């Protein structure tokens, strides 16, 4: 089973769309792996570097509301998958992006704004990391010598998809 957690990449903005996650000009690439170098290439945020070490080392993304809006392409979750990012934490997601994350065996976790504000207080910590227990619905944020846990909920079906490793693996186990 996958592990969920690790170094965190903070993207402090709402409405990050799928064109910012993976620019449309790369959608003709043949394999998921071919998408890898272009992750978040068109995202513009103060201090953010798409090719920087924080992006390269991230295993979890923490962001704001309506993440993954725009087109319904699966390429957006795929570029996270090939870069080792297994979870995105946000106040809300675009519906199709969220389901594509679960279908790919990754976690799309929604938290209230108040919890996200507490998590974002670790954005300046060089050691900011998160551990996520999908089965119990608890994630733990650590950094700067502090640690805090948050409860989250995903539906039983989405949890089963994530624990199976995605839709294809789930279908292989059930049908």
C-alpha atoms as a PDB file:
ATOM      1  CA  UNK A   1       0.000   0.000   0.000  1.00  0.00           C
ATOM      2  CA  UNK A   2       1.129   3.561  -0.706  1.00  0.00           C
ATOM      3  CA  UNK A   3       2.219   5.821   2.067  1.00  0.00           C
ATOM      4  CA  UNK A   4       0.495   9.158   2.296  1.00  0.00           C
ATOM      5  CA  UNK A   5       2.570  11.969   3.606  1.00  0.00           C
ATOM      6  CA  UNK A   6       5.974  13.578   3.552  1.00  0.00           C
ATOM      7  CA  UNK A   7       7.284  17.056   2.777  1.00  0.00           C
ATOM      8  CA  UNK A   8       4.577  19.628   2.077  1.00  0.00           C
ATOM      9  CA  UNK A   9       4.332  22.113  -0.772  1.00  0.00           C
ATOM     10  CA  UNK A  10       2.175  25.098   0.188  1.00  0.00           C
ATOM     11  CA  UNK A  11       0.243  26.775  -2.641  1.00  0.00           C
ATOM     12  CA  UNK A  12      -1.546  29.653  -0.937  1.00  0.00           C
ATOM     13  CA  UNK A  13      -4.186  30.515  -3.517  1.00  0.00           C
ATOM     14  CA  UNK A  14      -7.716  29.478  -4.462  1.00  0.00           C
ATOM     15  CA  UNK A  15      -8.873  28.481  -7.946  1.00  0.00           C
ATOM     16  CA  UNK A  16      -5.669  26.813  -9.151  1.00  0.00           C
ATOM     17  CA  UNK A  17      -6.784  25.287 -12.430  1.00  0.00           C
ATOM     18  CA  UNK A  18      -5.716  22.226 -14.394  1.00  0.00           C
ATOM     19  CA  UNK A  19      -3.830  24.377 -16.949  1.00  0.00           C
ATOM     20  CA  UNK A  20      -1.650  25.637 -14.103  1.00  0.00           C
ATOM     21  CA  UNK A  21      -1.168  22.074 -12.797  1.00  0.00           C
ATOM     22  CA  UNK A  22      -0.132  20.756 -16.240  1.00  0.00           C
ATOM     23  CA  UNK A  23      -0.163  23.113 -19.231  1.00  0.00           C
ATOM     24  CA  UNK A  24      -2.386  21.960 -22.091  1.00  0.00           C
ATOM     25  CA  UNK A  25       0.488  22.067 -24.582  1.00  0.00           C
ATOM     26  CA  UNK A  26       1.858  18.871 -22.986  1.00  0.00           C
ATOM     27  CA  UNK A  27      -1.313  16.820 -23.251  1.00  0.00           C
ATOM     28  CA  UNK A  28      -0.076  15.143 -26.412  1.00  0.00           C
ATOM     29  CA  UNK A  29       2.676  13.370 -24.453  1.00  0.00           C
ATOM     30  CA  UNK A  30       2.365   9.608 -24.756  1.00  0.00           C
ATOM     31  CA  UNK A  31       3.105   8.446 -21.196  1.00  0.00           C
ATOM     32  CA  UNK A  32       2.426   9.766 -17.721  1.00  0.00           C
ATOM     33  CA  UNK A  33       6.173   9.846 -17.075  1.00  0.00           C
ATOM     34  CA  UNK A  34       6.618  12.265 -19.997  1.00  0.00           C
ATOM     35  CA  UNK A  35       4.507  14.808 -18.060  1.00  0.00           C
ATOM     36  CA  UNK A  36       6.811  14.763 -15.016  1.00  0.00           C
ATOM     37  CA  UNK A  37       9.069  17.795 -15.754  1.00  0.00           C
ATOM     38  CA  UNK A  38       6.136  20.114 -16.449  1.00  0.00           C
ATOM     39  CA  UNK A  39       4.364  19.969 -13.064  1.00  0.00           C
ATOM     40  CA  UNK A  40       2.877  23.348 -12.082  1.00  0.00           C
ATOM     41  CA  UNK A  41       4.942  24.988 -14.832  1.00  0.00           C
ATOM     42  CA  UNK A  42       2.441  27.792 -15.497  1.00  0.00           C
ATOM     43  CA  UNK A  43       1.490  28.477 -11.862  1.00  0.00           C
ATOM     44  CA  UNK A  44       2.279  32.034 -10.833  1.00  0.00           C
ATOM     45  CA  UNK A  45       2.607  32.625  -7.082  1.00  0.00           C
ATOM     46  CA  UNK A  46       5.031  34.916  -5.227  1.00  0.00           C
ATOM     47  CA  UNK A  47       8.081  32.883  -4.177  1.00  0.00           C
ATOM     48  CA  UNK A  48       6.955  29.701  -5.936  1.00  0.00           C
ATOM     49  CA  UNK A  49       9.389  27.866  -8.203  1.00  0.00           C
ATOM     50  CA  UNK A  50       7.953  25.031 -10.292  1.00  0.00           C
ATOM     51  CA  UNK A  51      11.431  23.585 -10.788  1.00  0.00           C
ATOM     52  CA  UNK A  52      12.605  24.340  -7.218  1.00  0.00           C
ATOM     53  CA  UNK A  53      13.518  21.833  -4.502  1.00  0.00           C
ATOM     54  CA  UNK A  54      10.270  22.318  -2.556  1.00  0.00           C
ATOM     55  CA  UNK A  55       8.252  21.233  -5.590  1.00  0.00           C
ATOM     56  CA  UNK A  56      10.635  18.371  -6.387  1.00  0.00           C
ATOM     57  CA  UNK A  57      10.624  17.009  -2.823  1.00  0.00           C
ATOM     58  CA  UNK A  58       6.910  17.487  -2.075  1.00  0.00           C
ATOM     59  CA  UNK A  59       4.713  14.478  -1.330  1.00  0.00           C
ATOM     60  CA  UNK A  60       1.687  16.499  -0.173  1.00  0.00           C
ATOM     61  CA  UNK A  61       0.210  19.735  -1.506  1.00  0.00           C
ATOM     62  CA  UNK A  62      -1.726  22.085   0.766  1.00  0.00           C
ATOM     63  CA  UNK A  63      -3.765  24.724  -0.992  1.00  0.00           C
ATOM     64  CA  UNK A  64      -6.981  26.706  -0.749  1.00  0.00           C
ATOM     65  CA  UNK A  65     -10.495  26.446  -2.296  1.00  0.00           C
ATOM     66  CA  UNK A  66     -11.664  25.089  -5.668  1.00  0.00           C
ATOM     67  CA  UNK A  67      -8.417  23.302  -6.480  1.00  0.00           C
ATOM     68  CA  UNK A  68      -8.318  21.574  -9.869  1.00  0.00           C
ATOM     69  CA  UNK A  69     -10.948  23.711 -11.565  1.00  0.00           C
ATOM     70  CA  UNK A  70     -10.873  24.051 -15.344  1.00  0.00           C
ATOM     71  CA  UNK A  71     -10.901  21.101 -17.689  1.00  0.00           C
ATOM     72  CA  UNK A  72     -11.724  17.556 -16.679  1.00  0.00           C
ATOM     73  CA  UNK A  73      -8.451  16.064 -17.889  1.00  0.00           C
ATOM     74  CA  UNK A  74      -6.886  13.216 -15.926  1.00  0.00           C
ATOM     75  CA  UNK A  75      -3.444  14.571 -16.753  1.00  0.00           C
ATOM     76  CA  UNK A  76      -3.577  16.844 -13.678  1.00  0.00           C
ATOM     77  CA  UNK A  77      -3.650  13.988 -11.130  1.00  0.00           C
ATOM     78  CA  UNK A  78      -1.248  12.001 -13.332  1.00  0.00           C
ATOM     79  CA  UNK A  79       1.448  14.695 -13.106  1.00  0.00           C
ATOM     80  CA  UNK A  80       1.165  14.544  -9.311  1.00  0.00           C
ATOM     81  CA  UNK A  81       1.346  10.750  -9.390  1.00  0.00           C
ATOM     82  CA  UNK A  82       4.566  10.629 -11.450  1.00  0.00           C
ATOM     83  CA  UNK A  83       6.122  13.246  -9.171  1.00  0.00           C
ATOM     84  CA  UNK A  84       5.389  11.203  -6.028  1.00  0.00           C
ATOM     85  CA  UNK A  85       2.642  13.459  -4.677  1.00  0.00           C
ATOM     86  CA  UNK A  86       0.003  11.243  -3.111  1.00  0.00           C
ATOM     87  CA  UNK A  87      -2.291  13.751  -1.432  1.00  0.00           C
ATOM     88  CA  UNK A  88      -3.718  17.221  -1.915  1.00  0.00           C
ATOM     89  CA  UNK A  89      -5.321  19.013   1.031  1.00  0.00           C
ATOM     90  CA  UNK A  90      -7.722  21.870   0.244  1.00  0.00           C
ATOM     91  CA  UNK A  91     -10.848  23.620   1.434  1.00  0.00           C
ATOM     92  CA  UNK A  92     -12.635  22.302  -1.679  1.00  0.00           C
ATOM     93  CA  UNK A  93     -11.943  20.721  -5.065  1.00  0.00           C
ATOM     94  CA  UNK A  94     -13.449  20.857  -8.510  1.00  0.00           C
ATOM     95  CA  UNK A  95     -15.702  17.780  -8.614  1.00  0.00           C
ATOM     96  CA  UNK A  96     -14.072  15.930 -11.518  1.00  0.00           C
ATOM     97  CA  UNK A  97     -10.506  16.641 -10.380  1.00  0.00           C
ATOM     98  CA  UNK A  98     -11.356  15.324  -6.926  1.00  0.00           C
ATOM     99  CA  UNK A  99     -12.795  12.081  -8.316  1.00  0.00           C
ATOM    100  CA  UNK A 100      -9.847  11.673 -10.696  1.00  0.00           C
ATOM    101  CA  UNK A 101      -7.522  11.831  -7.667  1.00  0.00           C
ATOM    102  CA  UNK A 102      -9.394   8.974  -5.968  1.00  0.00           C
ATOM    103  CA  UNK A 103      -9.612   7.020  -9.234  1.00  0.00           C
ATOM    104  CA  UNK A 104      -5.807   7.254  -9.476  1.00  0.00           C
ATOM    105  CA  UNK A 105      -5.393   6.009  -5.882  1.00  0.00           C
ATOM    106  CA  UNK A 106      -4.481   9.373  -4.406  1.00  0.00           C
ATOM    107  CA  UNK A 107      -6.123  11.327  -1.610  1.00  0.00           C
ATOM    108  CA  UNK A 108      -8.065  14.559  -2.122  1.00  0.00           C
ATOM    109  CA  UNK A 109      -8.810  15.700   1.420  1.00  0.00           C
ATOM    110  CA  UNK A 110     -11.087  18.596   2.265  1.00  0.00           C
ATOM    111  CA  UNK A 111     -10.636  20.532   5.498  1.00  0.00           C
ATOM    112  CA  UNK A 112     -12.395  23.624   6.822  1.00  0.00           C
ATOM    113  CA  UNK A 113     -10.711  26.991   6.275  1.00  0.00           C
ATOM    114  CA  UNK A 114      -9.867  27.282   9.972  1.00  0.00           C
ATOM    115  CA  UNK A 115      -7.870  24.023   9.875  1.00  0.00           C
ATOM    116  CA  UNK A 116      -6.125  25.066   6.665  1.00  0.00           C
ATOM    117  CA  UNK A 117      -5.170  28.388   8.248  1.00  0.00           C
ATOM    118  CA  UNK A 118      -3.491  26.460  11.088  1.00  0.00           C
ATOM    119  CA  UNK A 119      -1.703  24.210   8.593  1.00  0.00           C
ATOM    120  CA  UNK A 120      -0.591  27.230   6.557  1.00  0.00           C
ATOM    121  CA  UNK A 121       1.056  28.608   9.719  1.00  0.00           C
ATOM    122  CA  UNK A 122       3.774  26.008   8.943  1.00  0.00           C
ATOM    123  CA  UNK A 123       4.380  27.348   5.424  1.00  0.00           C
ATOM    124  CA  UNK A 124       7.679  28.944   6.458  1.00  0.00           C
ATOM    125  CA  UNK A 125       8.999  25.855   8.238  1.00  0.00           C
ATOM    126  CA  UNK A 126      11.779  24.136   6.300  1.00  0.00           C
ATOM    127  CA  UNK A 127      10.852  20.843   7.974  1.00  0.00           C
ATOM    128  CA  UNK A 128       7.084  21.054   7.274  1.00  0.00           C
ATOM    129  CA  UNK A 129       5.761  17.532   6.776  1.00  0.00           C
ATOM    130  CA  UNK A 130       2.489  15.688   7.017  1.00  0.00           C
ATOM    131  CA  UNK A 131       1.485  12.120   7.742  1.00  0.00           C
ATOM    132  CA  UNK A 132      -1.911  10.921   6.605  1.00  0.00           C
ATOM    133  CA  UNK A 133      -3.743   7.845   7.836  1.00  0.00           C
ATOM    134  CA  UNK A 134      -6.430   7.124   5.255  1.00  0.00           C
ATOM    135  CA  UNK A 135      -8.034   4.325   7.296  1.00  0.00           C
ATOM    136  CA  UNK A 136      -8.546   6.361  10.481  1.00  0.00           C
ATOM    137  CA  UNK A 137      -9.132   9.729   8.796  1.00  0.00           C
ATOM    138  CA  UNK A 138      -6.434  11.555  10.733  1.00  0.00           C
ATOM    139  CA  UNK A 139      -3.650  13.704   9.325  1.00  0.00           C
ATOM    140  CA  UNK A 140      -0.814  15.108  11.364  1.00  0.00           C
ATOM    141  CA  UNK A 141       1.034  18.276  10.429  1.00  0.00           C
ATOM    142  CA  UNK A 142       4.499  18.822  11.859  1.00  0.00           C
ATOM    143  CA  UNK A 143       7.087  21.521  11.486  1.00  0.00           C
ATOM    144  CA  UNK A 144       8.983  24.105  13.488  1.00  0.00           C
ATOM    145  CA  UNK A 145       9.022  21.824  16.531  1.00  0.00           C
ATOM    146  CA  UNK A 146       5.216  21.649  16.646  1.00  0.00           C
ATOM    147  CA  UNK A 147       2.705  18.987  15.728  1.00  0.00           C
ATOM    148  CA  UNK A 148      -1.078  19.054  15.346  1.00  0.00           C
ATOM    149  CA  UNK A 149      -3.587  16.458  14.159  1.00  0.00           C
ATOM    150  CA  UNK A 150      -6.775  17.011  12.169  1.00  0.00           C
ATOM    151  CA  UNK A 151      -9.679  14.685  11.438  1.00  0.00           C
ATOM    152  CA  UNK A 152     -10.970  14.364   7.891  1.00  0.00           C
ATOM    153  CA  UNK A 153     -13.678  12.416   6.108  1.00  0.00           C
ATOM    154  CA  UNK A 154     -13.768  10.759   2.715  1.00  0.00           C
ATOM    155  CA  UNK A 155     -16.624   8.538   1.602  1.00  0.00           C
ATOM    156  CA  UNK A 156     -16.292   4.773   2.160  1.00  0.00           C
ATOM    157  CA  UNK A 157     -16.153   4.192  -1.615  1.00  0.00           C
ATOM    158  CA  UNK A 158     -13.442   6.817  -2.199  1.00  0.00           C
ATOM    159  CA  UNK A 159     -11.498   5.397   0.748  1.00  0.00           C
ATOM    160  CA  UNK A 160     -11.754   1.924  -0.826  1.00  0.00           C
ATOM    161  CA  UNK A 161     -10.431   3.321  -4.140  1.00  0.00           C
ATOM    162  CA  UNK A 162      -7.443   4.946  -2.427  1.00  0.00           C
ATOM    163  CA  UNK A 163      -6.642   1.888  -0.314  1.00  0.00           C
ATOM    164  CA  UNK A 164      -6.876  -0.375  -3.382  1.00  0.00           C
ATOM    165  CA  UNK A 165      -4.453   1.853  -5.300  1.00  0.00           C
ATOM    166  CA  UNK A 166      -7.028   3.347  -7.666  1.00  0.00           C
ATOM    167  CA  UNK A 167     -10.014   2.389  -9.794  1.00  0.00           C
ATOM    168  CA  UNK A 168      -8.287  -0.275 -11.928  1.00  0.00           C
ATOM    169  CA  UNK A 169      -6.873  -2.090  -8.890  1.00  0.00           C
ATOM    170  CA  UNK A 170     -10.208  -1.759  -7.091  1.00  0.00           C
ATOM    171  CA  UNK A 171     -12.051  -3.263 -10.078  1.00  0.00           C
ATOM    172  CA  UNK A 172      -9.517  -6.102 -10.298  1.00  0.00           C
ATOM    173  CA  UNK A 173     -10.175  -6.936  -6.633  1.00  0.00           C
ATOM    174  CA  UNK A 174     -13.975  -6.684  -6.786  1.00  0.00           C
ATOM    175  CA  UNK A 175     -15.066  -7.871 -10.245  1.00  0.00           C
END
